[in-house]
């Protein structure tokens, strides 16, 4: 075991922690925003749109993230320049940032799951709460914002915490698009001496550290939100 190589890979990979965090939190933000919209549309059973969304979510649930990343990367390399030229824009594969594609694909992969988490939280609220909002003269959106979501947030935080762990691990697959993240960086350094095991160990140590920090922060947020909810119901 080459311990000096583990340390070298560890130090070099630390430089790309911000990239990994971008691949985690930017897709997470998009998933929450669009997940709320999709969950509300399906909750209200909006004609046609809710059915279309249900079909699309079912399709994307069944596609492995690695398969989606590889297939999308091939399509991107082969057809992006032609598509951009057809649209009349100057963007090309050679001068574009591949991390944008990675963010988009990770969002697509985790959007169905997060949308279901949010919809489950909305369904867990007693129907009487919706009726109370209507009786108070609130619109549906006002009822959601003022009554429903404050009750939903504490319910979905534990599930979102688990999903964040999955997204953190999935971000490592961005290396197949050519994104230099923690895993890619640690292996790149280890390649010089062919100490691949040491490179993987270095990457694992960083991912473990990030997982512990994220888990701790989410547990703290969950406790704070739960205390706030108890004060409201007291």
Protein backbone atom coordinates (compact mmCIF):
# COMPACT_ATOMS: atom_id res chain seq x y z
CA UNK A 1 0.00 0.00 0.00
CA UNK A 2 1.46 3.34 -1.12
CA UNK A 3 0.37 5.74 1.62
CA UNK A 4 2.14 8.71 0.06
CA UNK A 5 0.07 8.18 -3.08
CA UNK A 6 -3.14 8.13 -1.02
CA UNK A 7 -2.15 11.47 0.52
CA UNK A 8 -1.20 12.97 -2.86
CA UNK A 9 -4.47 11.84 -4.45
CA UNK A 10 -6.42 13.03 -1.41
CA UNK A 11 -4.89 16.53 -1.50
CA UNK A 12 -5.36 16.90 -5.26
CA UNK A 13 -8.95 15.65 -5.15
CA UNK A 14 -9.82 18.16 -2.42
CA UNK A 15 -9.48 20.92 -5.02
CA UNK A 16 -12.51 19.51 -6.83
CA UNK A 17 -14.84 19.27 -3.83
CA UNK A 18 -16.61 22.47 -5.03
CA UNK A 19 -17.34 20.76 -8.37
CA UNK A 20 -18.88 17.78 -6.59
CA UNK A 21 -20.94 20.10 -4.37
CA UNK A 22 -22.21 21.90 -7.49
CA UNK A 23 -23.21 18.53 -8.96
CA UNK A 24 -25.10 17.84 -5.73
CA UNK A 25 -26.81 21.08 -4.73
CA UNK A 26 -27.66 22.61 -8.11
CA UNK A 27 -29.58 19.50 -9.31
CA UNK A 28 -31.12 19.22 -5.83
CA UNK A 29 -32.43 22.79 -6.06
CA UNK A 30 -33.86 22.16 -9.54
CA UNK A 31 -35.42 18.88 -8.38
CA UNK A 32 -37.11 20.54 -5.41
CA UNK A 33 -38.46 23.45 -7.50
CA UNK A 34 -39.78 21.34 -10.37
CA UNK A 35 -40.70 18.52 -7.98
CA UNK A 36 -43.05 20.83 -6.10
CA UNK A 37 -44.66 21.96 -9.36
CA UNK A 38 -45.10 18.40 -10.62
CA UNK A 39 -46.40 17.15 -7.25
CA UNK A 40 -49.00 19.95 -7.06
CA UNK A 41 -50.14 19.33 -10.65
CA UNK A 42 -50.60 15.64 -9.91
CA UNK A 43 -52.24 16.39 -6.56
CA UNK A 44 -54.81 18.64 -8.24
CA UNK A 45 -55.14 16.12 -11.10
CA UNK A 46 -54.82 18.78 -13.79
CA UNK A 47 -56.37 17.29 -16.96
CA UNK A 48 -53.96 15.88 -19.56
CA UNK A 49 -50.83 17.43 -17.98
CA UNK A 50 -50.94 15.21 -14.88
CA UNK A 51 -51.24 12.08 -17.03
CA UNK A 52 -48.36 13.14 -19.28
CA UNK A 53 -46.18 13.86 -16.27
CA UNK A 54 -47.02 10.50 -14.72
CA UNK A 55 -45.93 8.69 -17.91
CA UNK A 56 -42.69 10.70 -18.19
CA UNK A 57 -41.81 10.12 -14.55
CA UNK A 58 -42.40 6.39 -14.93
CA UNK A 59 -40.11 6.29 -17.96
CA UNK A 60 -37.25 8.14 -16.27
CA UNK A 61 -37.59 6.06 -13.10
CA UNK A 62 -36.68 2.96 -15.09
CA UNK A 63 -33.51 4.34 -16.70
CA UNK A 64 -30.23 3.66 -14.82
CA UNK A 65 -28.28 6.86 -14.30
CA UNK A 66 -25.09 5.45 -15.82
CA UNK A 67 -26.96 4.42 -18.98
CA UNK A 68 -28.55 7.86 -19.25
CA UNK A 69 -25.22 9.63 -18.80
CA UNK A 70 -23.40 7.52 -21.39
CA UNK A 71 -26.21 7.68 -23.96
CA UNK A 72 -26.69 11.42 -23.49
CA UNK A 73 -22.96 12.02 -23.79
CA UNK A 74 -22.85 10.17 -27.12
CA UNK A 75 -25.83 12.14 -28.44
CA UNK A 76 -24.29 15.35 -27.16
CA UNK A 77 -20.97 14.76 -28.91
CA UNK A 78 -22.54 13.58 -32.17
CA UNK A 79 -25.43 15.99 -32.60
CA UNK A 80 -25.03 19.07 -30.39
CA UNK A 81 -23.06 21.07 -32.97
CA UNK A 82 -25.62 20.30 -35.69
CA UNK A 83 -28.52 21.16 -33.40
CA UNK A 84 -26.87 24.43 -32.31
CA UNK A 85 -26.19 25.37 -35.94
CA UNK A 86 -29.82 24.63 -36.81
CA UNK A 87 -30.95 26.95 -34.01
CA UNK A 88 -28.50 29.58 -35.20
CA UNK A 89 -26.53 29.80 -31.96
CA UNK A 90 -22.75 29.88 -31.65
CA UNK A 91 -22.40 27.29 -28.86
CA UNK A 92 -20.35 24.24 -29.79
CA UNK A 93 -19.13 21.10 -28.00
CA UNK A 94 -15.55 22.36 -28.08
CA UNK A 95 -16.31 25.60 -26.20
CA UNK A 96 -19.13 24.45 -23.90
CA UNK A 97 -18.88 23.41 -20.25
CA UNK A 98 -19.78 19.74 -19.88
CA UNK A 99 -20.78 20.26 -16.24
CA UNK A 100 -24.02 21.86 -17.46
CA UNK A 101 -24.95 18.60 -19.17
CA UNK A 102 -24.09 16.67 -16.01
CA UNK A 103 -26.31 18.94 -13.91
CA UNK A 104 -29.19 18.51 -16.35
CA UNK A 105 -28.89 14.71 -16.44
CA UNK A 106 -28.59 14.31 -12.66
CA UNK A 107 -31.66 16.50 -12.29
CA UNK A 108 -33.60 14.33 -14.76
CA UNK A 109 -32.58 11.16 -12.91
CA UNK A 110 -33.60 12.31 -9.42
CA UNK A 111 -36.58 14.51 -10.28
CA UNK A 112 -39.08 11.59 -10.31
CA UNK A 113 -38.02 10.39 -6.86
CA UNK A 114 -38.00 13.82 -5.23
CA UNK A 115 -41.34 14.65 -6.85
CA UNK A 116 -42.81 11.49 -5.32
CA UNK A 117 -41.37 12.40 -1.92
CA UNK A 118 -43.03 15.82 -2.07
CA UNK A 119 -46.32 14.39 -3.36
CA UNK A 120 -46.30 11.82 -0.54
CA UNK A 121 -45.80 14.66 1.93
CA UNK A 122 -48.73 16.57 0.45
CA UNK A 123 -50.94 13.49 0.62
CA UNK A 124 -49.97 12.89 4.25
CA UNK A 125 -51.68 16.12 5.30
CA UNK A 126 -55.26 15.63 6.41
CA UNK A 127 -57.82 16.74 3.84
CA UNK A 128 -59.45 18.84 6.54
CA UNK A 129 -56.47 21.20 6.33
CA UNK A 130 -57.27 21.94 2.68
CA UNK A 131 -60.93 22.43 3.56
CA UNK A 132 -59.99 24.74 6.43
CA UNK A 133 -58.00 26.90 4.03
CA UNK A 134 -60.92 27.10 1.61
CA UNK A 135 -63.29 27.95 4.48
CA UNK A 136 -60.98 30.78 5.52
CA UNK A 137 -61.23 32.26 2.04
CA UNK A 138 -57.73 31.26 0.94
CA UNK A 139 -56.96 30.28 -2.63
CA UNK A 140 -55.41 26.88 -3.34
CA UNK A 141 -51.94 28.40 -3.66
CA UNK A 142 -52.35 30.37 -0.44
CA UNK A 143 -53.53 27.24 1.34
CA UNK A 144 -50.45 25.37 0.15
CA UNK A 145 -48.05 28.14 1.11
CA UNK A 146 -49.52 29.06 4.50
CA UNK A 147 -50.98 25.80 5.81
CA UNK A 148 -49.84 22.73 3.89
CA UNK A 149 -46.13 23.27 3.17
CA UNK A 150 -45.22 24.16 6.79
CA UNK A 151 -46.60 20.72 7.73
CA UNK A 152 -45.05 18.91 4.76
CA UNK A 153 -41.45 20.11 5.18
CA UNK A 154 -40.74 18.22 8.46
CA UNK A 155 -42.23 15.06 6.93
CA UNK A 156 -40.04 15.03 3.81
CA UNK A 157 -36.69 16.10 5.29
CA UNK A 158 -35.61 12.54 6.32
CA UNK A 159 -36.40 11.22 2.82
CA UNK A 160 -34.65 14.17 1.19
CA UNK A 161 -31.61 13.48 3.35
CA UNK A 162 -31.40 9.94 1.99
CA UNK A 163 -31.86 11.21 -1.56
CA UNK A 164 -29.02 13.70 -1.07
CA UNK A 165 -26.73 10.82 -0.13
CA UNK A 166 -27.73 9.03 -3.33
CA UNK A 167 -27.13 12.19 -5.38
CA UNK A 168 -23.69 12.63 -3.83
CA UNK A 169 -22.74 9.10 -4.84
CA UNK A 170 -24.29 9.52 -8.29
CA UNK A 171 -22.27 12.69 -8.89
CA UNK A 172 -19.17 10.48 -9.10
CA UNK A 173 -20.56 9.03 -12.35
CA UNK A 174 -20.09 12.43 -13.99
CA UNK A 175 -16.54 11.28 -14.74
CA UNK A 176 -17.94 9.35 -17.73
CA UNK A 177 -18.89 12.73 -19.24
CA UNK A 178 -15.38 14.05 -18.71
CA UNK A 179 -16.21 16.18 -15.65
CA UNK A 180 -13.27 16.45 -13.29
CA UNK A 181 -14.71 15.84 -9.84
CA UNK A 182 -13.35 14.17 -6.70
CA UNK A 183 -13.21 10.67 -8.19
CA UNK A 184 -11.78 11.73 -11.54
CA UNK A 185 -9.14 13.92 -9.89
CA UNK A 186 -7.97 11.25 -7.45
CA UNK A 187 -7.63 8.66 -10.20
CA UNK A 188 -5.86 11.11 -12.51
CA UNK A 189 -3.05 11.57 -10.00
CA UNK A 190 -2.84 7.85 -9.21
CA UNK A 191 -2.53 7.00 -12.92
CA UNK A 192 1.01 8.35 -12.99
CA UNK A 193 2.25 5.49 -10.82
CA UNK A 194 -0.61 3.05 -11.59
CA UNK A 195 -1.65 3.11 -7.93
CA UNK A 196 -5.36 2.97 -8.74
CA UNK A 197 -6.39 1.39 -5.43
CA UNK A 198 -4.78 4.25 -3.53
CA UNK A 199 -6.64 6.74 -5.71
CA UNK A 200 -9.98 5.07 -5.00
CA UNK A 201 -9.23 5.01 -1.27
CA UNK A 202 -8.47 8.74 -1.31
CA UNK A 203 -11.73 9.47 -3.12
CA UNK A 204 -13.67 7.25 -0.70
CA UNK A 205 -12.27 9.13 2.30
CA UNK A 206 -13.48 12.45 0.89
CA UNK A 207 -16.92 11.08 0.01
CA UNK A 208 -17.25 9.60 3.50
CA UNK A 209 -16.35 12.95 5.02
CA UNK A 210 -18.89 14.80 2.89
CA UNK A 211 -21.57 12.23 3.70
CA UNK A 212 -20.99 12.63 7.44
CA UNK A 213 -21.18 16.44 7.18
CA UNK A 214 -24.35 16.40 5.06
CA UNK A 215 -26.00 13.83 7.31
CA UNK A 216 -25.16 15.90 10.38
CA UNK A 217 -26.48 19.13 8.85
CA UNK A 218 -29.72 17.48 7.70
CA UNK A 219 -30.24 15.94 11.16
CA UNK A 220 -29.78 19.37 12.73
CA UNK A 221 -32.24 20.93 10.27
CA UNK A 222 -34.73 18.15 10.97
CA UNK A 223 -34.53 18.75 14.73
CA UNK A 224 -34.94 22.52 14.30
CA UNK A 225 -37.93 22.14 12.00
CA UNK A 226 -39.54 19.54 14.27
CA UNK A 227 -39.22 21.85 17.28
CA UNK A 228 -40.77 24.71 15.29
CA UNK A 229 -43.65 22.46 14.25
CA UNK A 230 -44.26 21.40 17.87
CA UNK A 231 -44.43 25.08 18.90
CA UNK A 232 -47.02 25.74 16.21
CA UNK A 233 -49.18 22.79 17.25
CA UNK A 234 -48.82 23.45 20.99
